[in-house]
PDB file of N, CA and C in Angstrom:
ATOM      1  N   MET A   1     125.488 137.838  58.869  1.00  0.00           N
ATOM      2  CA  MET A   1     126.448 136.457  59.362  1.00  0.00           C
ATOM      3  C   MET A   1     125.499 135.310  59.252  1.00  0.00           C
ATOM      4  N   THR A   2     125.863 134.190  58.536  1.00  0.00           N
ATOM      5  CA  THR A   2     125.312 132.975  58.537  1.00  0.00           C
ATOM      6  C   THR A   2     125.663 132.222  59.813  1.00  0.00           C
ATOM      7  N   ILE A   3     124.829 131.921  60.630  1.00  0.00           N
ATOM      8  CA  ILE A   3     124.962 131.292  61.842  1.00  0.00           C
ATOM      9  C   ILE A   3     124.651 129.695  61.736  1.00  0.00           C
ATOM     10  N   ASP A   4     125.375 128.766  62.309  1.00  0.00           N
ATOM     11  CA  ASP A   4     125.051 127.465  62.298  1.00  0.00           C
ATOM     12  C   ASP A   4     123.584 127.349  62.855  1.00  0.00           C
ATOM     13  N   SER A   5     122.588 126.661  62.116  1.00  0.00           N
ATOM     14  CA  SER A   5     121.193 126.735  62.622  1.00  0.00           C
ATOM     15  C   SER A   5     121.047 126.019  64.002  1.00  0.00           C
ATOM     16  N   HIS A   6     122.039 125.253  64.463  1.00  0.00           N
ATOM     17  CA  HIS A   6     121.932 124.722  65.785  1.00  0.00           C
ATOM     18  C   HIS A   6     122.501 125.784  66.952  1.00  0.00           C
ATOM     19  N   HIS A   7     122.952 126.949  66.452  1.00  0.00           N
ATOM     20  CA  HIS A   7     123.685 127.814  67.406  1.00  0.00           C
ATOM     21  C   HIS A   7     122.884 129.199  67.337  1.00  0.00           C
ATOM     22  N   VAL A   8     121.771 129.308  66.656  1.00  0.00           N
ATOM     23  CA  VAL A   8     121.074 130.638  66.575  1.00  0.00           C
ATOM     24  C   VAL A   8     120.864 131.231  67.915  1.00  0.00           C
ATOM     25  N   GLU A   9     120.047 130.398  68.584  1.00  0.00           N
ATOM     26  CA  GLU A   9     119.576 130.893  70.106  1.00  0.00           C
ATOM     27  C   GLU A   9     120.817 131.196  70.874  1.00  0.00           C
ATOM     28  N   GLU A  10     121.929 130.472  70.836  1.00  0.00           N
ATOM     29  CA  GLU A  10     122.969 130.839  71.619  1.00  0.00           C
ATOM     30  C   GLU A  10     123.654 132.287  71.102  1.00  0.00           C
ATOM     31  N   PHE A  11     123.665 132.563  69.715  1.00  0.00           N
ATOM     32  CA  PHE A  11     124.123 133.870  69.169  1.00  0.00           C
ATOM     33  C   PHE A  11     123.320 134.844  69.726  1.00  0.00           C
ATOM     34  N   ILE A  12     121.856 134.673  69.613  1.00  0.00           N
ATOM     35  CA  ILE A  12     121.027 135.686  69.992  1.00  0.00           C
ATOM     36  C   ILE A  12     121.133 135.945  71.570  1.00  0.00           C
ATOM     37  N   LYS A  13     121.375 134.976  72.397  1.00  0.00           N
ATOM     38  CA  LYS A  13     121.575 135.230  73.844  1.00  0.00           C
ATOM     39  C   LYS A  13     122.851 135.955  74.023  1.00  0.00           C
ATOM     40  N   THR A  14     123.861 135.669  73.319  1.00  0.00           N
ATOM     41  CA  THR A  14     125.125 136.199  73.487  1.00  0.00           C
ATOM     42  C   THR A  14     125.118 137.795  73.182  1.00  0.00           C
ATOM     43  N   PHE A  15     124.387 138.070  72.039  1.00  0.00           N
ATOM     44  CA  PHE A  15     124.153 139.445  71.519  1.00  0.00           C
ATOM     45  C   PHE A  15     123.556 140.219  72.653  1.00  0.00           C
ATOM     46  N   GLU A  16     122.392 139.534  73.087  1.00  0.00           N
ATOM     47  CA  GLU A  16     121.489 140.389  74.147  1.00  0.00           C
ATOM     48  C   GLU A  16     122.436 140.545  75.526  1.00  0.00           C
ATOM     49  N   SER A  17     123.274 139.588  75.800  1.00  0.00           N
ATOM     50  CA  SER A  17     123.962 139.996  77.013  1.00  0.00           C
ATOM     51  C   SER A  17     125.092 141.001  76.894  1.00  0.00           C
ATOM     52  N   LYS A  18     125.422 141.183  75.627  1.00  0.00           N
ATOM     53  CA  LYS A  18     126.540 142.231  75.261  1.00  0.00           C
ATOM     54  C   LYS A  18     126.029 143.565  74.782  1.00  0.00           C
ATOM     55  N   GLN A  19     124.803 143.520  74.266  1.00  0.00           N
ATOM     56  CA  GLN A  19     124.287 144.826  73.644  1.00  0.00           C
ATOM     57  C   GLN A  19     124.411 146.085  74.388  1.00  0.00           C
ATOM     58  N   LYS A  20     124.058 146.102  75.632  1.00  0.00           N
ATOM     59  CA  LYS A  20     124.146 147.263  76.427  1.00  0.00           C
ATOM     60  C   LYS A  20     125.576 147.669  76.686  1.00  0.00           C
ATOM     61  N   ASP A  21     126.517 146.843  76.762  1.00  0.00           N
ATOM     62  CA  ASP A  21     127.928 147.113  76.856  1.00  0.00           C
ATOM     63  C   ASP A  21     128.474 147.718  75.464  1.00  0.00           C
ATOM     64  N   ILE A  22     128.125 147.279  74.413  1.00  0.00           N
ATOM     65  CA  ILE A  22     128.411 147.783  73.173  1.00  0.00           C
ATOM     66  C   ILE A  22     127.935 149.178  73.118  1.00  0.00           C
ATOM     67  N   ALA A  23     126.631 149.410  73.383  1.00  0.00           N
ATOM     68  CA  ALA A  23     126.064 150.699  73.332  1.00  0.00           C
ATOM     69  C   ALA A  23     126.876 151.637  74.261  1.00  0.00           C
ATOM     70  N   LYS A  24     127.443 151.198  75.185  1.00  0.00           N
ATOM     71  CA  LYS A  24     128.276 152.243  76.198  1.00  0.00           C
ATOM     72  C   LYS A  24     129.473 152.693  75.609  1.00  0.00           C
ATOM     73  N   PHE A  25     129.974 152.143  74.592  1.00  0.00           N
ATOM     74  CA  PHE A  25     131.182 152.626  73.789  1.00  0.00           C
ATOM     75  C   PHE A  25     130.937 153.958  73.384  1.00  0.00           C
ATOM     76  N   ALA A  26     132.108 154.944  73.607  1.00  0.00           N
ATOM     77  CA  ALA A  26     131.997 156.121  73.096  1.00  0.00           C
ATOM     78  C   ALA A  26     131.772 156.130  71.636  1.00  0.00           C
ATOM     79  N   GLY A  27     130.840 157.102  71.294  1.00  0.00           N
ATOM     80  CA  GLY A  27     130.457 157.162  69.950  1.00  0.00           C
ATOM     81  C   GLY A  27     129.296 156.375  69.377  1.00  0.00           C
ATOM     82  N   CYS A  28     128.895 155.266  70.218  1.00  0.00           N
ATOM     83  CA  CYS A  28     127.910 154.359  69.729  1.00  0.00           C
ATOM     84  C   CYS A  28     126.500 155.084  69.949  1.00  0.00           C
ATOM     85  N   GLN A  29     125.719 155.138  68.910  1.00  0.00           N
ATOM     86  CA  GLN A  29     124.269 155.802  69.060  1.00  0.00           C
ATOM     87  C   GLN A  29     123.331 154.658  69.263  1.00  0.00           C
ATOM     88  N   LYS A  30     123.595 153.466  68.566  1.00  0.00           N
ATOM     89  CA  LYS A  30     122.634 152.389  68.599  1.00  0.00           C
ATOM     90  C   LYS A  30     123.219 151.102  68.123  1.00  0.00           C
ATOM     91  N   VAL A  31     122.704 149.990  68.729  1.00  0.00           N
ATOM     92  CA  VAL A  31     123.172 148.776  68.108  1.00  0.00           C
ATOM     93  C   VAL A  31     122.076 147.631  68.318  1.00  0.00           C
ATOM     94  N   GLU A  32     121.724 147.040  67.147  1.00  0.00           N
ATOM     95  CA  GLU A  32     120.616 146.172  67.193  1.00  0.00           C
ATOM     96  C   GLU A  32     120.873 144.763  66.388  1.00  0.00           C
ATOM     97  N   LEU A  33     120.038 143.826  66.456  1.00  0.00           N
ATOM     98  CA  LEU A  33     120.246 142.564  65.849  1.00  0.00           C
ATOM     99  C   LEU A  33     118.987 142.313  65.191  1.00  0.00           C
ATOM    100  N   LEU A  34     119.154 142.027  63.718  1.00  0.00           N
ATOM    101  CA  LEU A  34     118.115 141.746  62.897  1.00  0.00           C
ATOM    102  C   LEU A  34     118.263 140.261  62.260  1.00  0.00           C
ATOM    103  N   TYR A  35     117.192 139.642  61.733  1.00  0.00           N
ATOM    104  CA  TYR A  35     117.379 138.440  61.109  1.00  0.00           C
ATOM    105  C   TYR A  35     116.634 138.367  59.740  1.00  0.00           C
ATOM    106  N   ASP A  36     116.931 137.573  58.705  1.00  0.00           N
ATOM    107  CA  ASP A  36     116.479 137.526  57.628  1.00  0.00           C
ATOM    108  C   ASP A  36     115.074 136.626  57.698  1.00  0.00           C
ATOM    109  N   VAL A  37     114.055 137.226  57.265  1.00  0.00           N
ATOM    110  CA  VAL A  37     112.780 136.513  57.419  1.00  0.00           C
ATOM    111  C   VAL A  37     112.673 135.228  56.654  1.00  0.00           C
ATOM    112  N   ALA A  38     113.368 135.135  55.537  1.00  0.00           N
ATOM    113  CA  ALA A  38     113.351 133.774  54.697  1.00  0.00           C
ATOM    114  C   ALA A  38     114.369 132.979  55.314  1.00  0.00           C
ATOM    115  N   CYS A  39     115.410 133.366  55.840  1.00  0.00           N
ATOM    116  CA  CYS A  39     116.544 132.614  56.448  1.00  0.00           C
ATOM    117  C   CYS A  39     116.802 133.071  57.794  1.00  0.00           C
ATOM    118  N   PRO A  40     116.196 132.489  58.756  1.00  0.00           N
ATOM    119  CA  PRO A  40     116.299 133.142  60.172  1.00  0.00           C
ATOM    120  C   PRO A  40     117.657 132.705  60.832  1.00  0.00           C
ATOM    121  N   ASN A  41     118.449 132.017  60.181  1.00  0.00           N
ATOM    122  CA  ASN A  41     119.840 131.693  60.617  1.00  0.00           C
ATOM    123  C   ASN A  41     120.842 132.864  60.069  1.00  0.00           C
ATOM    124  N   ILE A  42     120.350 133.763  59.124  1.00  0.00           N
ATOM    125  CA  ILE A  42     121.229 134.851  58.735  1.00  0.00           C
ATOM    126  C   ILE A  42     120.755 136.112  59.511  1.00  0.00           C
ATOM    127  N   LEU A  43     121.852 136.459  60.266  1.00  0.00           N
ATOM    128  CA  LEU A  43     121.432 137.673  61.170  1.00  0.00           C
ATOM    129  C   LEU A  43     122.495 138.813  60.928  1.00  0.00           C
ATOM    130  N   TYR A  44     121.979 140.067  61.268  1.00  0.00           N
ATOM    131  CA  TYR A  44     122.751 141.207  60.944  1.00  0.00           C
ATOM    132  C   TYR A  44     122.941 142.101  62.241  1.00  0.00           C
ATOM    133  N   THR A  45     124.011 142.435  62.670  1.00  0.00           N
ATOM    134  CA  THR A  45     124.167 143.411  63.707  1.00  0.00           C
ATOM    135  C   THR A  45     124.275 144.805  63.026  1.00  0.00           C
ATOM    136  N   ILE A  46     123.415 145.768  63.383  1.00  0.00           N
ATOM    137  CA  ILE A  46     123.499 146.941  62.777  1.00  0.00           C
ATOM    138  C   ILE A  46     123.898 147.970  63.991  1.00  0.00           C
ATOM    139  N   SER A  47     124.903 148.680  63.720  1.00  0.00           N
ATOM    140  CA  SER A  47     125.313 149.663  64.917  1.00  0.00           C
ATOM    141  C   SER A  47     125.607 151.023  64.149  1.00  0.00           C
ATOM    142  N   HIS A  48     125.217 151.955  64.838  1.00  0.00           N
ATOM    143  CA  HIS A  48     125.410 153.451  64.427  1.00  0.00           C
ATOM    144  C   HIS A  48     126.323 154.209  65.274  1.00  0.00           C
ATOM    145  N   TRP A  49     127.282 154.561  64.698  1.00  0.00           N
ATOM    146  CA  TRP A  49     128.611 155.330  65.302  1.00  0.00           C
ATOM    147  C   TRP A  49     128.725 156.789  64.762  1.00  0.00           C
ATOM    148  N   ASP A  50     129.140 157.540  65.720  1.00  0.00           N
ATOM    149  CA  ASP A  50     129.436 158.972  65.456  1.00  0.00           C
ATOM    150  C   ASP A  50     130.418 159.183  64.260  1.00  0.00           C
ATOM    151  N   THR A  51     131.515 158.492  64.511  1.00  0.00           N
ATOM    152  CA  THR A  51     132.632 158.455  63.408  1.00  0.00           C
ATOM    153  C   THR A  51     133.261 157.213  63.054  1.00  0.00           C
ATOM    154  N   GLU A  52     133.915 157.001  62.193  1.00  0.00           N
ATOM    155  CA  GLU A  52     134.506 155.801  61.705  1.00  0.00           C
ATOM    156  C   GLU A  52     135.645 155.335  62.845  1.00  0.00           C
ATOM    157  N   ASP A  53     136.246 156.560  63.390  1.00  0.00           N
ATOM    158  CA  ASP A  53     137.231 156.412  64.505  1.00  0.00           C
ATOM    159  C   ASP A  53     136.629 155.683  65.691  1.00  0.00           C
ATOM    160  N   HIS A  54     135.322 156.058  65.981  1.00  0.00           N
ATOM    161  CA  HIS A  54     134.662 155.412  67.223  1.00  0.00           C
ATOM    162  C   HIS A  54     134.380 153.915  66.952  1.00  0.00           C
ATOM    163  N   LEU A  55     133.968 153.622  65.647  1.00  0.00           N
ATOM    164  CA  LEU A  55     133.815 152.244  65.340  1.00  0.00           C
ATOM    165  C   LEU A  55     135.212 151.470  65.578  1.00  0.00           C
ATOM    166  N   GLN A  56     136.080 152.144  64.996  1.00  0.00           N
ATOM    167  CA  GLN A  56     137.544 151.313  64.796  1.00  0.00           C
ATOM    168  C   GLN A  56     138.027 151.265  66.479  1.00  0.00           C
ATOM    169  N   ASP A  57     137.749 152.266  67.305  1.00  0.00           N
ATOM    170  CA  ASP A  57     138.271 152.046  68.625  1.00  0.00           C
ATOM    171  C   ASP A  57     137.515 150.841  69.363  1.00  0.00           C
ATOM    172  N   TYR A  58     136.164 150.654  69.014  1.00  0.00           N
ATOM    173  CA  TYR A  58     135.493 149.550  69.467  1.00  0.00           C
ATOM    174  C   TYR A  58     135.987 148.240  68.870  1.00  0.00           C
ATOM    175  N   ARG A  59     136.368 148.112  67.507  1.00  0.00           N
ATOM    176  CA  ARG A  59     137.032 147.001  66.989  1.00  0.00           C
ATOM    177  C   ARG A  59     138.251 146.532  67.501  1.00  0.00           C
ATOM    178  N   ASP A  60     139.112 147.672  68.023  1.00  0.00           N
ATOM    179  CA  ASP A  60     140.272 147.507  68.507  1.00  0.00           C
ATOM    180  C   ASP A  60     140.365 147.161  70.086  1.00  0.00           C
ATOM    181  N   SER A  61     139.127 147.064  70.627  1.00  0.00           N
ATOM    182  CA  SER A  61     139.048 146.937  72.084  1.00  0.00           C
ATOM    183  C   SER A  61     139.030 145.386  72.468  1.00  0.00           C
ATOM    184  N   GLY A  62     139.598 145.212  73.709  1.00  0.00           N
ATOM    185  CA  GLY A  62     139.555 143.786  74.192  1.00  0.00           C
ATOM    186  C   GLY A  62     138.132 143.229  74.401  1.00  0.00           C
ATOM    187  N   PHE A  63     137.198 144.110  74.619  1.00  0.00           N
ATOM    188  CA  PHE A  63     135.841 143.628  74.624  1.00  0.00           C
ATOM    189  C   PHE A  63     135.357 142.964  73.289  1.00  0.00           C
ATOM    190  N   PHE A  64     135.696 143.611  72.199  1.00  0.00           N
ATOM    191  CA  PHE A  64     135.374 143.149  70.841  1.00  0.00           C
ATOM    192  C   PHE A  64     136.034 141.807  70.668  1.00  0.00           C
ATOM    193  N   GLU A  65     137.385 141.590  70.927  1.00  0.00           N
ATOM    194  CA  GLU A  65     138.049 140.601  70.849  1.00  0.00           C
ATOM    195  C   GLU A  65     137.606 139.416  71.591  1.00  0.00           C
ATOM    196  N   ASP A  66     137.300 139.685  72.882  1.00  0.00           N
ATOM    197  CA  ASP A  66     136.760 138.631  73.644  1.00  0.00           C
ATOM    198  C   ASP A  66     135.419 137.987  72.991  1.00  0.00           C
ATOM    199  N   THR A  67     134.529 139.018  72.764  1.00  0.00           N
ATOM    200  CA  THR A  67     133.221 138.729  72.158  1.00  0.00           C
ATOM    201  C   THR A  67     133.364 138.028  70.915  1.00  0.00           C
ATOM    202  N   TRP A  68     134.233 138.463  69.957  1.00  0.00           N
ATOM    203  CA  TRP A  68     134.428 137.753  68.675  1.00  0.00           C
ATOM    204  C   TRP A  68     134.886 136.389  68.717  1.00  0.00           C
ATOM    205  N   THR A  69     135.799 136.134  69.857  1.00  0.00           N
ATOM    206  CA  THR A  69     136.290 134.783  70.179  1.00  0.00           C
ATOM    207  C   THR A  69     135.142 133.841  70.525  1.00  0.00           C
ATOM    208  N   THR A  70     134.121 134.368  71.216  1.00  0.00           N
ATOM    209  CA  THR A  70     132.981 133.586  71.726  1.00  0.00           C
ATOM    210  C   THR A  70     132.062 133.371  70.481  1.00  0.00           C
ATOM    211  N   VAL A  71     131.754 134.309  69.648  1.00  0.00           N
ATOM    212  CA  VAL A  71     130.737 134.084  68.635  1.00  0.00           C
ATOM    213  C   VAL A  71     131.260 133.426  67.382  1.00  0.00           C
ATOM    214  N   LYS A  72     132.567 133.687  66.999  1.00  0.00           N
ATOM    215  CA  LYS A  72     132.967 133.094  65.661  1.00  0.00           C
ATOM    216  C   LYS A  72     132.852 131.625  65.697  1.00  0.00           C
ATOM    217  N   LYS A  73     132.973 130.843  66.632  1.00  0.00           N
ATOM    218  CA  LYS A  73     132.633 129.417  66.440  1.00  0.00           C
ATOM    219  C   LYS A  73     131.291 129.131  66.262  1.00  0.00           C
ATOM    220  N   LEU A  74     130.258 130.181  66.270  1.00  0.00           N
ATOM    221  CA  LEU A  74     128.935 129.742  65.919  1.00  0.00           C
ATOM    222  C   LEU A  74     128.464 129.951  64.404  1.00  0.00           C
ATOM    223  N   PHE A  75     129.484 130.446  63.554  1.00  0.00           N
ATOM    224  CA  PHE A  75     129.217 130.881  62.378  1.00  0.00           C
ATOM    225  C   PHE A  75     129.213 129.635  61.397  1.00  0.00           C
ATOM    226  N   ALA A  76     128.376 129.639  60.509  1.00  0.00           N
ATOM    227  CA  ALA A  76     128.262 128.554  59.370  1.00  0.00           C
ATOM    228  C   ALA A  76     128.992 128.974  58.143  1.00  0.00           C
ATOM    229  N   GLY A  77     129.397 130.267  58.145  1.00  0.00           N
ATOM    230  CA  GLY A  77     129.853 130.797  56.839  1.00  0.00           C
ATOM    231  C   GLY A  77     130.747 132.004  57.263  1.00  0.00           C
ATOM    232  N   LYS A  78     131.454 132.513  56.275  1.00  0.00           N
ATOM    233  CA  LYS A  78     132.369 133.480  56.597  1.00  0.00           C
ATOM    234  C   LYS A  78     131.510 134.904  56.893  1.00  0.00           C
ATOM    235  N   PRO A  79     131.890 135.577  57.928  1.00  0.00           N
ATOM    236  CA  PRO A  79     131.137 136.924  58.101  1.00  0.00           C
ATOM    237  C   PRO A  79     131.471 137.994  57.444  1.00  0.00           C
ATOM    238  N   GLU A  80     130.687 138.842  57.094  1.00  0.00           N
ATOM    239  CA  GLU A  80     130.842 139.958  56.371  1.00  0.00           C
ATOM    240  C   GLU A  80     130.541 141.234  56.958  1.00  0.00           C
ATOM    241  N   ALA A  81     131.140 142.347  56.733  1.00  0.00           N
ATOM    242  CA  ALA A  81     131.048 143.674  57.417  1.00  0.00           C
ATOM    243  C   ALA A  81     130.981 144.700  56.316  1.00  0.00           C
ATOM    244  N   TRP A  82     130.063 145.743  56.617  1.00  0.00           N
ATOM    245  CA  TRP A  82     130.185 146.898  55.773  1.00  0.00           C
ATOM    246  C   TRP A  82     130.241 148.196  56.555  1.00  0.00           C
ATOM    247  N   SER A  83     130.698 149.184  56.121  1.00  0.00           N
ATOM    248  CA  SER A  83     130.515 150.516  56.894  1.00  0.00           C
ATOM    249  C   SER A  83     129.740 151.271  55.690  1.00  0.00           C
ATOM    250  N   LEU A  84     128.668 151.885  56.142  1.00  0.00           N
ATOM    251  CA  LEU A  84     127.745 152.633  55.361  1.00  0.00           C
ATOM    252  C   LEU A  84     127.396 154.037  55.703  1.00  0.00           C
ATOM    253  N   LYS A  85     126.978 154.806  54.801  1.00  0.00           N
ATOM    254  CA  LYS A  85     126.730 156.160  55.080  1.00  0.00           C
ATOM    255  C   LYS A  85     125.369 156.547  54.463  1.00  0.00           C
ATOM    256  N   GLN A  86     124.527 157.231  55.242  1.00  0.00           N
ATOM    257  CA  GLN A  86     123.276 157.649  54.687  1.00  0.00           C
ATOM    258  C   GLN A  86     123.422 158.642  53.590  1.00  0.00           C
ATOM    259  N   VAL A  87     122.653 158.515  52.610  1.00  0.00           N
ATOM    260  CA  VAL A  87     122.656 159.482  51.508  1.00  0.00           C
ATOM    261  C   VAL A  87     121.931 160.742  51.950  1.00  0.00           C
ATOM    262  N   GLU A  88     122.597 161.799  51.924  1.00  0.00           N
ATOM    263  CA  GLU A  88     121.984 163.164  52.207  1.00  0.00           C
ATOM    264  C   GLU A  88     121.346 163.686  51.248  1.00  0.00           C
ATOM    265  N   ALA A  89     120.014 163.870  51.215  1.00  0.00           N
ATOM    266  CA  ALA A  89     119.061 164.532  50.042  1.00  0.00           C
ATOM    267  C   ALA A  89     119.063 165.950  50.163  1.00  0.00           C
TER     268      ALA A  89
END
């Protein structure tokens, strides 16, 4: 997510205040926030879910809707999201 450079700290504080609540959702193994070393206003939330259904339940929650309403005004660009799966060797 590209965050307006004037709002990076606000975004980080908002994430930190909600991180434990996100992690309490059924099926959430871990949630973390990372930033691009070259562009510190580009941030990534990485979350690990037991199943795609658990992730969708989170996305469909009022908690997510409220959080999204709070943070979307901080973006400097269109946010992107991917669902990834680890390659099993």
